[in-house]
Every structure is written in C-alpha cells, then in structure tokens.
Amino acid sequence: MKMRRTMAMLLSGVLAAGMMASAAFAGESEGADMTGKKVGFSPVMMSSEFFAGMSDDMEAYFTEHGMEYASADADGDVQTQIQ
C-alpha cells in the first residue's frame, strides 16, 4: 500500500510540474520574450534525487530564458504542496 501511495505522489508531482511549465508558456508563440514570467515548483520531497534534479534543470532553463524560478519542498505533505 505504501508503494502505491508513493507512486501516486510521484506521478502527481510530475504532472503538476508539467502543468506549471505548460501554463507558463500558454499562449506564447515560438521565440516570444518570456522575461519576467514566474514559474514555481513544489515537489512532494526535494530529498528525492529525481525531484532535486528536475528542480535544478528547471531552474537552469527558466533563469537562462529570463524567467523567475522558485521551488518549495513540501516534505511529503500534500497540504503544504498545494499552498
């Protein structure tokens, strides 16, 4: 049961990251100036190498393109993650 919950939390984090990234680019044309746009990411657990690596890659990409990036560790608490 614990493995199933962990997998569900992992998948929800990945889906949330994808939705946030797509929302940041919604309505923007190719090559549009994204300077000043804000992007946030709140993974289930930043202690996971997967989420930490994802956050590092997202930060590099977004800051390279002039966007503001912020991440917050939910530390396994879904209620914290959605705040």
Protein backbone atom coordinates (compact mmCIF):
# COMPACT_ATOMS: atom_id res chain seq x y z
CA MET A 1 0.00 0.00 0.00
CA LYS A 2 2.85 2.38 0.85
CA MET A 3 4.48 1.75 -2.56
CA ARG A 4 1.20 2.57 -4.29
CA ARG A 5 0.87 5.86 -2.37
CA THR A 6 4.49 6.78 -3.10
CA MET A 7 3.99 6.10 -6.80
CA ALA A 8 0.78 8.16 -6.82
CA MET A 9 2.56 11.06 -5.12
CA LEU A 10 5.46 10.80 -7.57
CA LEU A 11 3.17 10.84 -10.58
CA SER A 12 1.13 13.74 -9.21
CA GLY A 13 4.34 15.73 -8.73
CA VAL A 14 5.44 15.07 -12.30
CA LEU A 15 2.01 16.00 -13.64
CA ALA A 16 1.96 19.19 -11.56
CA ALA A 17 5.40 20.18 -12.87
CA GLY A 18 4.25 19.60 -16.43
CA MET A 19 1.09 21.62 -15.91
CA MET A 20 3.05 24.51 -14.39
CA ALA A 21 5.56 24.52 -17.21
CA SER A 22 2.84 24.41 -19.86
CA ALA A 23 0.90 27.16 -18.09
CA ALA A 24 4.00 29.35 -18.16
CA PHE A 25 4.11 29.03 -21.93
CA ALA A 26 0.37 29.08 -22.66
CA GLY A 27 -0.45 31.49 -25.41
CA GLU A 28 3.21 32.32 -26.05
CA SER A 29 4.48 31.99 -29.58
CA GLU A 30 7.81 30.45 -30.51
CA GLY A 31 10.64 32.78 -29.57
CA ALA A 32 8.42 35.10 -27.52
CA ASP A 33 10.07 37.18 -24.82
CA MET A 34 9.44 35.33 -21.56
CA THR A 35 11.46 37.76 -19.43
CA GLY A 36 9.81 38.38 -16.08
CA LYS A 37 7.45 35.38 -16.18
CA LYS A 38 7.28 33.48 -12.89
CA VAL A 39 7.42 29.70 -12.58
CA GLY A 40 7.07 27.70 -9.37
CA PHE A 41 7.63 24.05 -8.50
CA SER A 42 6.64 22.25 -5.30
CA PRO A 43 7.65 18.59 -5.40
CA VAL A 44 6.48 16.06 -2.85
CA MET A 45 10.00 15.65 -1.50
CA MET A 46 13.05 17.62 -2.54
CA SER A 47 15.18 14.98 -0.81
CA SER A 48 14.42 12.70 -3.76
CA GLU A 49 17.24 12.80 -6.32
CA PHE A 50 14.63 12.73 -9.07
CA PHE A 51 12.83 15.89 -7.90
CA ALA A 52 16.05 17.66 -6.92
CA GLY A 53 17.46 17.03 -10.40
CA MET A 54 14.22 18.12 -12.03
CA SER A 55 14.25 21.33 -9.99
CA ASP A 56 17.88 22.06 -10.91
CA ASP A 57 17.17 21.55 -14.61
CA MET A 58 14.04 23.69 -14.49
CA GLU A 59 15.88 26.45 -12.64
CA ALA A 60 18.68 26.45 -15.22
CA TYR A 61 16.25 26.56 -18.14
CA PHE A 62 13.92 29.22 -16.78
CA THR A 63 16.63 31.56 -15.50
CA GLU A 64 18.53 31.19 -18.79
CA HIS A 65 15.39 32.45 -20.52
CA GLY A 66 14.97 35.41 -18.16
CA MET A 67 12.19 33.97 -16.02
CA GLU A 68 11.93 33.91 -12.24
CA TYR A 69 12.02 30.41 -10.74
CA ALA A 70 11.03 29.38 -7.22
CA SER A 71 10.81 25.95 -5.63
CA ALA A 72 9.42 24.83 -2.28
CA ASP A 73 9.85 21.45 -0.60
CA ALA A 74 6.52 20.00 0.56
CA ASP A 75 8.44 17.42 2.63
CA GLY A 76 5.85 14.72 1.92
CA ASP A 77 2.85 16.82 2.99
CA VAL A 78 0.32 17.25 0.19
CA GLN A 79 -1.42 20.09 2.04
CA THR A 80 1.86 22.02 2.14
CA GLN A 81 2.43 21.25 -1.53
CA ILE A 82 -0.83 22.85 -2.68
CA GLN A 83 -0.49 26.04 -0.62
